[in-house]
Amino acid sequence: MDINRAKQILSSPAEIEVQYNGVSIWIDEIKEEDQTAVVHLVGGIEERTEVDIASLKEM
């Protein structure tokens, strides 16, 4: 995924499915300078992880 699409998804009121390593996640924050996103699992605990935006896939 590119950073512009990640920012669109983050600001969208719609629920857009995004996966990281085959697992559904929510994007919490975009760190543009690092090309990373802070994410957490859908329906899981609120533990956040920072991942490369390029590794995210829109479903």
Protein backbone atom coordinates (compact mmCIF):
# COMPACT_ATOMS: atom_id res chain seq x y z
CA MET A 1 0.00 0.00 0.00
CA ASP A 2 1.23 3.51 -0.60
CA ILE A 3 1.19 6.23 2.04
CA ASN A 4 -1.50 8.30 0.34
CA ARG A 5 -3.96 5.39 0.35
CA ALA A 6 -3.14 4.63 3.99
CA LYS A 7 -3.95 8.25 4.89
CA GLN A 8 -7.24 8.05 2.95
CA ILE A 9 -8.21 4.88 4.81
CA LEU A 10 -7.30 6.41 8.17
CA SER A 11 -9.47 9.48 7.53
CA SER A 12 -12.38 7.58 5.96
CA PRO A 13 -15.61 7.14 7.95
CA ALA A 14 -16.12 3.77 6.20
CA GLU A 15 -14.77 0.50 7.55
CA ILE A 16 -12.13 -0.50 5.00
CA GLU A 17 -10.54 -3.89 5.54
CA VAL A 18 -6.74 -3.78 5.73
CA GLN A 19 -4.47 -6.72 6.43
CA TYR A 20 -0.93 -7.08 7.70
CA ASN A 21 0.63 -10.53 7.22
CA GLY A 22 -2.82 -11.98 6.49
CA VAL A 23 -4.43 -10.59 9.67
CA SER A 24 -7.08 -7.83 9.71
CA ILE A 25 -5.87 -4.64 11.39
CA TRP A 26 -6.95 -1.06 12.08
CA ILE A 27 -4.65 1.82 11.20
CA ASP A 28 -4.28 4.13 14.22
CA GLU A 29 -1.62 6.56 13.03
CA ILE A 30 0.55 7.28 10.00
CA LYS A 31 4.20 8.22 10.54
CA GLU A 32 4.93 9.82 7.19
CA GLU A 33 8.60 10.54 7.86
CA ASP A 34 9.28 6.84 8.56
CA GLN A 35 6.78 5.44 5.99
CA THR A 36 5.24 3.41 8.84
CA ALA A 37 1.82 3.01 10.43
CA VAL A 38 0.81 2.26 14.00
CA VAL A 39 -1.81 -0.52 13.87
CA HIS A 40 -3.77 -2.89 16.10
CA LEU A 41 -5.70 -6.11 15.47
CA VAL A 42 -9.40 -5.94 14.55
CA GLY A 43 -11.43 -7.31 17.45
CA GLY A 44 -8.30 -7.91 19.47
CA ILE A 45 -6.61 -6.20 22.33
CA GLU A 46 -5.55 -2.64 21.76
CA GLU A 47 -1.85 -3.54 21.63
CA ARG A 48 -0.29 -1.34 18.97
CA THR A 49 2.54 -2.22 16.62
CA GLU A 50 4.48 -0.06 14.16
CA VAL A 51 4.75 -1.61 10.68
CA ASP A 52 5.92 -0.58 7.20
CA ILE A 53 3.07 0.90 5.19
CA ALA A 54 4.28 -1.04 2.13
CA SER A 55 3.44 -4.30 3.97
CA LEU A 56 -0.26 -3.37 4.38
CA LYS A 57 -2.85 -4.73 1.95
CA GLU A 58 -6.32 -3.38 1.29
CA MET A 59 -8.86 -6.18 0.89
